[in-house]
Every structure is written in structure tokens, then in C-alpha cells.
Protein backbone atom coordinates (compact mmCIF):
# COMPACT_ATOMS: atom_id res chain seq x y z
CA MET A 1 61.90 38.56 -22.25
CA PRO A 2 62.76 39.36 -18.63
CA LEU A 3 65.16 37.04 -16.86
CA SER A 4 65.22 36.23 -13.18
CA ILE A 5 67.41 34.16 -10.88
CA PRO A 6 65.28 33.12 -7.87
CA LEU A 7 67.16 33.99 -4.71
CA ALA A 8 65.39 31.77 -2.23
CA SER A 9 68.63 29.78 -2.03
CA THR A 10 70.58 32.30 -0.01
CA ARG A 11 72.43 31.52 3.19
CA PRO A 12 70.73 32.01 6.58
CA ARG A 13 71.77 35.68 6.80
CA SER A 14 69.65 36.35 3.75
CA ARG A 15 69.30 40.11 4.17
CA THR A 16 73.03 40.62 3.76
CA SER A 17 73.81 37.76 1.40
CA ILE A 18 71.76 38.63 -1.68
CA VAL A 19 73.83 40.20 -4.45
CA GLY A 20 72.04 42.26 -7.09
CA GLY A 21 68.59 40.92 -6.21
CA LEU A 22 65.57 41.22 -3.95
CA ASN A 23 64.11 39.10 -1.17
CA ALA A 24 61.56 36.63 -2.54
CA CYS A 25 58.06 36.52 -1.09
CA ASN A 26 56.87 33.32 0.55
CA GLY A 27 55.64 30.99 -2.19
CA GLU A 28 56.91 33.18 -5.03
CA TRP A 29 59.22 30.45 -6.40
CA PRO A 30 57.50 27.22 -5.29
CA TRP A 31 59.56 25.01 -7.63
CA MET A 32 62.83 25.89 -5.88
CA ALA A 33 64.66 23.16 -3.95
CA ALA A 34 67.37 23.61 -1.35
CA ILE A 35 70.03 20.90 -1.35
CA GLU A 36 71.86 20.75 1.98
CA LEU A 37 74.67 18.68 3.43
CA LYS A 38 73.72 16.63 6.48
CA ASP A 39 76.72 17.90 8.43
CA LYS A 40 75.76 21.53 7.69
CA PRO A 41 72.01 21.75 8.33
CA LYS A 42 70.09 24.89 7.33
CA THR A 43 73.04 26.03 5.20
CA ILE A 44 72.50 25.90 1.47
CA HIS A 45 74.86 23.72 -0.56
CA CYS A 46 73.11 24.07 -3.91
CA GLY A 47 69.75 24.81 -5.42
CA GLY A 48 67.52 22.77 -7.68
CA THR A 49 64.21 22.77 -9.53
CA ILE A 50 61.21 20.49 -9.01
CA LEU A 51 60.45 18.63 -12.25
CA ASN A 52 57.63 16.46 -10.93
CA LYS A 53 56.67 14.60 -7.76
CA ARG A 54 59.91 12.58 -7.61
CA TRP A 55 62.57 14.34 -9.66
CA LEU A 56 64.69 17.49 -9.35
CA LEU A 57 66.95 19.24 -11.85
CA THR A 58 70.28 20.63 -10.63
CA ALA A 59 73.93 21.08 -11.62
CA ALA A 60 76.14 17.99 -11.92
CA HIS A 61 78.90 19.51 -9.81
CA CYS A 62 76.44 19.91 -6.93
CA VAL A 63 75.85 16.18 -6.46
CA GLY A 64 79.28 14.61 -6.77
CA ARG A 65 79.31 13.30 -3.19
CA PRO A 66 77.67 10.07 -1.96
CA ILE A 67 73.90 10.55 -1.86
CA CYS A 68 73.76 9.77 1.86
CA ASN A 69 75.37 13.18 2.49
CA PHE A 70 72.42 15.18 1.14
CA ILE A 71 69.09 16.43 2.43
CA VAL A 72 66.59 18.24 0.18
CA ARG A 73 64.28 20.87 1.67
CA LEU A 74 61.21 22.03 -0.23
CA GLY A 75 58.84 24.84 0.71
CA ALA A 76 61.43 26.61 2.86
CA TYR A 77 61.25 30.41 2.95
CA ARG A 78 64.10 31.37 5.25
CA LEU A 79 66.67 28.61 5.58
CA SER A 80 67.48 29.65 9.15
CA GLU A 81 63.87 28.97 10.14
CA THR A 82 61.41 26.11 9.76
CA SER A 83 58.34 26.89 7.66
CA PRO A 84 55.00 25.13 8.28
CA TYR A 85 54.89 24.42 4.55
CA GLU A 86 58.27 22.75 4.17
CA ALA A 87 59.31 19.11 4.08
CA SER A 88 62.64 17.31 3.91
CA TYR A 89 63.54 14.46 1.57
CA LYS A 90 66.39 12.05 1.02
CA ILE A 91 68.07 11.52 -2.33
CA ILE A 92 67.99 7.92 -3.55
CA LYS A 93 69.38 8.37 -7.06
CA VAL A 94 71.59 10.85 -8.91
CA ILE A 95 72.14 10.83 -12.66
CA ARG A 96 74.79 13.26 -13.84
CA HIS A 97 75.27 13.93 -17.52
CA PRO A 98 77.69 11.25 -18.79
CA SER A 99 79.92 13.85 -20.47
CA PHE A 100 80.34 15.98 -17.35
CA CYS A 101 83.93 16.21 -16.11
CA ASN A 102 84.23 19.67 -14.57
CA ILE A 103 82.23 22.88 -14.66
CA GLU A 104 84.46 24.57 -17.21
CA GLY A 105 83.95 21.65 -19.58
CA GLY A 106 80.18 22.07 -19.77
CA ASP A 107 77.41 19.46 -19.48
CA ASP A 108 76.95 20.62 -15.88
CA ILE A 109 73.50 19.15 -15.39
CA ALA A 110 71.98 16.31 -13.35
CA VAL A 111 68.63 14.88 -12.33
CA VAL A 112 67.96 13.73 -8.77
CA MET A 113 65.35 11.25 -7.55
CA LEU A 114 63.77 11.70 -4.11
CA ASP A 115 62.83 8.97 -1.67
CA ARG A 116 59.08 9.62 -1.88
CA ASP A 117 56.47 11.66 -3.73
CA ILE A 118 56.38 15.39 -3.10
CA ASP A 119 53.18 16.68 -1.51
CA PHE A 120 52.33 19.58 -3.82
CA SER A 121 50.73 22.74 -2.45
CA TRP A 122 50.61 26.46 -3.18
CA PHE A 123 54.14 26.68 -1.74
CA VAL A 124 55.61 23.54 -3.35
CA ARG A 125 55.00 22.57 -6.96
CA GLU A 126 56.75 21.72 -10.21
CA VAL A 127 58.38 24.27 -12.51
CA PRO A 128 55.78 25.50 -15.04
CA LYS A 129 57.87 24.86 -18.16
CA LEU A 130 61.35 23.99 -19.38
CA ALA A 131 62.81 25.77 -22.38
CA VAL A 132 62.66 24.04 -25.74
CA SER A 133 65.01 24.19 -28.70
CA GLY A 134 64.81 27.52 -30.47
CA MET A 135 64.09 29.58 -27.35
CA SER A 136 67.57 31.08 -27.60
CA LEU A 137 68.42 34.16 -25.57
CA THR A 138 71.94 34.67 -26.90
CA PRO A 139 73.69 34.23 -30.26
CA GLN A 140 75.68 31.27 -28.94
CA PRO A 141 75.41 27.81 -30.56
CA PRO A 142 72.73 25.62 -28.89
CA ALA A 143 75.21 23.26 -27.19
CA THR A 144 77.14 26.01 -25.41
CA PRO A 145 76.32 27.27 -21.91
CA LEU A 146 74.40 30.50 -21.49
CA ALA A 147 76.41 33.50 -20.35
CA GLY A 148 74.39 36.03 -18.42
CA ALA A 149 74.70 39.01 -16.16
CA GLU A 150 76.80 38.91 -13.03
CA LEU A 151 76.11 35.79 -10.98
CA ARG A 152 75.93 34.46 -7.93
CA LYS A 153 76.39 33.86 -4.25
CA THR A 154 77.80 30.57 -3.00
CA GLY A 155 74.89 28.15 -2.84
CA ASP A 156 73.12 29.43 -5.95
CA SER A 157 74.66 26.65 -8.10
CA GLY A 158 72.08 24.23 -9.45
CA GLY A 159 69.27 26.74 -9.18
CA PRO A 160 67.25 27.93 -12.18
CA LEU A 161 67.63 30.84 -14.54
CA MET A 162 64.01 31.77 -15.28
CA CYS A 163 62.45 33.67 -18.17
CA TYR A 164 58.90 35.07 -18.20
CA SER A 165 57.51 34.23 -21.63
CA ARG A 166 53.95 33.88 -22.94
CA LYS A 167 52.49 34.58 -19.51
CA THR A 168 54.38 31.78 -17.77
CA TRP A 169 57.76 31.21 -16.12
CA VAL A 170 60.17 29.10 -18.18
CA GLN A 171 63.44 27.63 -16.93
CA VAL A 172 66.08 28.38 -19.55
CA GLY A 173 69.23 27.62 -17.57
CA VAL A 174 70.81 25.90 -14.58
CA VAL A 175 73.29 27.97 -12.56
CA SER A 176 76.78 26.55 -13.18
CA TYR A 177 79.56 28.92 -12.19
CA GLY A 178 80.88 32.46 -12.14
CA ASN A 179 83.92 34.45 -11.09
CA GLY A 180 83.45 34.95 -7.37
CA CYS A 181 80.30 36.50 -5.94
CA GLY A 182 78.65 39.02 -8.22
CA GLN A 183 81.89 40.43 -9.61
CA PRO A 184 81.27 43.28 -12.06
CA ASN A 185 82.19 42.69 -15.72
CA TYR A 186 82.29 38.91 -15.22
CA PRO A 187 79.29 36.99 -16.57
CA GLY A 188 77.68 34.07 -14.84
CA VAL A 189 77.56 30.80 -16.77
CA TYR A 190 74.45 28.64 -16.98
CA THR A 191 73.77 25.25 -18.53
CA ARG A 192 71.28 25.68 -21.37
CA VAL A 193 68.25 23.53 -20.50
CA SER A 194 66.94 23.19 -24.07
CA SER A 195 70.14 21.39 -25.09
CA TYR A 196 69.50 18.64 -22.52
CA ARG A 197 65.81 17.94 -23.01
CA ASP A 198 66.51 14.41 -24.28
CA PHE A 199 68.79 13.70 -21.29
CA ILE A 200 66.06 14.80 -18.89
CA LYS A 201 63.29 12.84 -20.62
CA LYS A 202 65.36 9.66 -20.99
CA ASN A 203 66.39 9.47 -17.34
CA THR A 204 63.23 10.68 -15.61
CA ARG A 205 60.71 9.23 -18.08
CA ILE A 206 58.71 12.43 -17.91
CA PRO A 207 57.99 14.91 -20.74
CA ALA A 208 60.58 17.54 -19.90
CA ALA A 209 59.28 20.04 -22.43
CA GLU A 210 57.19 20.00 -25.53
CA ASP A 211 57.40 22.31 -28.51
CA ASP A 212 54.46 24.68 -28.76
């Protein structure tokens, strides 16, 4: 099953900031969210995934500040420019996993509620599917993070690790941390989504994923 880390969440100088990836086409990853800090507009702080019209999935370490500091941009193609398809939202609620302490300790996952419903379009829509228990990609126990190939540029945290399975894209992980920016021989670490299905469903009241 091929894996992909969407790279729409690169910094404004996107042509020189992508490590080990390719530029995404406009609308290729419509479930991607850009979480920015108000005092650093058009500069990515973290990524996220659209779960439904009001909720996003991201990493817990991304949303440790007061919610008034954040702006969420959806439908953006190049963060240094304004797309006709994009819209900005405020965050009104953050629920981090209760066991999260720091990224090395695991449980690096959170759900974020927006201030209004998202207007879905071809360029902005929810993630097709979240991984369920049993869709394991590594021999690790289910509660451990996923360890993948070399990660990530600053700002990729909170974004999705995607897998193309059964003719649809499935989110199997949330970007957590790595050793620097794409360092060879150092894996990136992702929070395993299937281990937190109950957390997502309980706090968002939406069916996060259903077994086939």
C-alpha cells in the first residue's frame, strides 16, 4: 500500500522547502488544513485534516497555545498567495488527548472545532477515510506510534500520513516529530490514527471510522 505525506503545508518558499517530495496540484489534497499563528500570517505553524464541517484532526503539540492565537486556512494552494477557493476560520475549541504530555511520550493527537461550518467544494472537503484497527503497516503494537521514512519540514506537524487502499485515500497517521528536517537514517514518527478512533468519536460525536 503506497504511503504519502501531503506537502501542501510547506512554507511560502515552497519550491525550495519541500524535502523528499513533489509539489501538490491545486485541489489534490482538499482535506488538508493549514494552522497559522495570528502574529505570523501566511506562515505555516502546523497542518491538520478536515474530519467534517466543524472538526479538524491534528497533533496535540500543535495546539498548546490559547486558541485566540490561531487561524485556520482551508483551500489554500500556495500559502504566500490568496486562492479564490480558500477561507479562514477561528478555533473555538481544542481537545487534546488527556494522556498527552510531550511528543516523545506519545498520544500526540487532538481534535479542533471551528467557529462555523466549512463550505465544502472540490477544493475543500473531508478526508475520505480514517484507518481502523487492524490496518497495521508495521509490526509495532497497536498503541505505539508509527515510524516511517524520513520526515519532515517544520510546519508539517499535525498533517496526515495517507495510504491509498481499496481505491481510496486513508489517513493512517498524524505527523508528530522527527530528527530535524528530512535527516537520512532517522525515521519520522506519526501518531497511529486507528488507536484513537474512540477518542475522536467521543469528542466530535461523528463516526470517525467504521470497520469494513
